[in-house]
């Protein structure tokens, strides 16, 4: 009987460490891309909403605040993007379809 609680504690601790590791690694993975916006949308969620940006070259990207990067201007970044315009964007994170994860745009400027 005593082993079950110990195994549970180890399993929960391992899951927490793995979750923290994935979060840190995702925020350290930064890419600078050049993408042409084809469309964008704001998707309602239970705890707010998510901005999505569709591009020709870079796939689907999100624009979200990011506490680890001290990035709290997602609405401004999203509002500044126009369909048909090419941007130099900086993203963090990866595209993992099974979890519906997308790279997150933390900055965007028109390409020249």
Protein backbone atom coordinates (compact mmCIF):
# COMPACT_ATOMS: atom_id res chain seq x y z
CA UNK A 1 0.00 0.00 0.00
CA UNK A 2 2.85 2.42 0.71
CA UNK A 3 4.33 2.12 -2.78
CA UNK A 4 1.25 3.50 -4.56
CA UNK A 5 1.54 7.01 -3.07
CA UNK A 6 5.28 7.08 -3.78
CA UNK A 7 4.74 6.03 -7.42
CA UNK A 8 2.03 8.69 -7.74
CA UNK A 9 4.32 11.39 -6.38
CA UNK A 10 7.10 10.33 -8.77
CA UNK A 11 4.70 10.27 -11.75
CA UNK A 12 3.25 13.69 -10.94
CA UNK A 13 6.71 15.16 -10.33
CA UNK A 14 8.01 13.75 -13.60
CA UNK A 15 5.03 15.18 -15.51
CA UNK A 16 5.56 18.60 -13.93
CA UNK A 17 9.28 18.64 -14.76
CA UNK A 18 8.54 17.54 -18.34
CA UNK A 19 5.89 20.24 -18.70
CA UNK A 20 8.22 22.93 -17.42
CA UNK A 21 10.98 21.65 -19.73
CA UNK A 22 8.74 21.79 -22.81
CA UNK A 23 7.58 25.30 -21.90
CA UNK A 24 11.14 26.57 -21.46
CA UNK A 25 12.38 24.85 -24.64
CA UNK A 26 9.45 26.22 -26.64
CA UNK A 27 10.20 29.77 -25.52
CA UNK A 28 13.88 29.38 -26.34
CA UNK A 29 13.10 28.21 -29.89
CA UNK A 30 13.06 31.48 -31.84
CA UNK A 31 12.84 31.86 -35.62
CA UNK A 32 12.98 34.88 -37.91
CA UNK A 33 10.73 34.30 -40.93
CA UNK A 34 9.43 36.21 -43.92
CA UNK A 35 5.73 35.49 -44.40
CA UNK A 36 2.93 36.86 -46.57
CA UNK A 37 -0.34 37.14 -44.64
CA UNK A 38 -3.30 35.68 -46.54
CA UNK A 39 -5.93 35.95 -43.80
CA UNK A 40 -6.33 36.36 -40.06
CA UNK A 41 -9.00 35.59 -37.48
CA UNK A 42 -9.79 35.89 -33.80
CA UNK A 43 -11.00 32.58 -32.35
CA UNK A 44 -13.17 32.63 -29.21
CA UNK A 45 -12.08 30.29 -26.44
CA UNK A 46 -13.49 29.55 -22.99
CA UNK A 47 -10.78 31.63 -21.33
CA UNK A 48 -10.64 34.48 -23.86
CA UNK A 49 -9.61 34.31 -27.48
CA UNK A 50 -6.70 33.49 -29.73
CA UNK A 51 -5.44 35.42 -32.72
CA UNK A 52 -4.53 33.28 -35.74
CA UNK A 53 -2.64 34.43 -38.81
CA UNK A 54 -2.65 32.43 -42.05
CA UNK A 55 0.38 32.80 -44.32
CA UNK A 56 1.58 31.49 -47.67
CA UNK A 57 5.11 30.47 -46.63
CA UNK A 58 4.91 29.91 -42.89
CA UNK A 59 1.61 28.11 -42.32
CA UNK A 60 -0.72 29.09 -39.50
CA UNK A 61 0.75 31.23 -36.73
CA UNK A 62 -0.74 32.54 -33.51
CA UNK A 63 -0.34 35.91 -31.83
CA UNK A 64 -0.52 35.61 -28.06
CA UNK A 65 0.88 37.38 -25.04
CA UNK A 66 3.93 35.57 -23.67
CA UNK A 67 4.89 36.05 -20.03
CA UNK A 68 8.30 34.39 -20.52
CA UNK A 69 9.24 36.94 -23.19
CA UNK A 70 7.50 39.85 -21.41
CA UNK A 71 5.43 40.26 -24.58
CA UNK A 72 2.03 41.76 -23.74
CA UNK A 73 1.17 43.56 -27.00
CA UNK A 74 -0.44 40.71 -28.95
CA UNK A 75 -3.53 42.78 -29.83
CA UNK A 76 -1.32 45.54 -31.28
CA UNK A 77 0.81 43.08 -33.27
CA UNK A 78 -2.31 41.32 -34.59
CA UNK A 79 -4.01 44.61 -35.45
CA UNK A 80 -0.96 45.75 -37.40
CA UNK A 81 -1.01 42.76 -39.76
CA UNK A 82 -2.80 43.15 -43.10
CA UNK A 83 -3.72 40.45 -45.60
CA UNK A 84 -1.64 40.60 -48.78
CA UNK A 85 1.36 42.17 -47.02
CA UNK A 86 4.71 40.44 -46.46
CA UNK A 87 6.27 40.72 -42.99
CA UNK A 88 9.49 39.81 -41.26
CA UNK A 89 8.22 38.03 -38.15
CA UNK A 90 9.91 36.64 -35.07
CA UNK A 91 8.21 33.56 -33.65
CA UNK A 92 8.71 31.32 -30.65
CA UNK A 93 7.51 27.75 -30.29
CA UNK A 94 6.75 24.93 -32.68
CA UNK A 95 3.88 23.65 -34.80
CA UNK A 96 2.55 20.51 -33.12
CA UNK A 97 -0.77 19.66 -34.79
CA UNK A 98 -1.80 16.94 -32.32
CA UNK A 99 -1.85 19.56 -29.53
CA UNK A 100 -3.01 22.44 -31.80
CA UNK A 101 0.22 24.30 -31.02
CA UNK A 102 1.43 26.96 -33.46
CA UNK A 103 4.45 29.21 -33.48
CA UNK A 104 3.63 32.46 -31.70
CA UNK A 105 4.45 35.78 -33.38
CA UNK A 106 6.17 38.06 -30.88
CA UNK A 107 7.10 40.78 -33.38
CA UNK A 108 6.31 41.71 -36.98
CA UNK A 109 7.53 44.42 -39.34
CA UNK A 110 6.77 44.96 -43.03
CA UNK A 111 9.41 43.30 -45.24
CA UNK A 112 11.43 45.63 -47.43
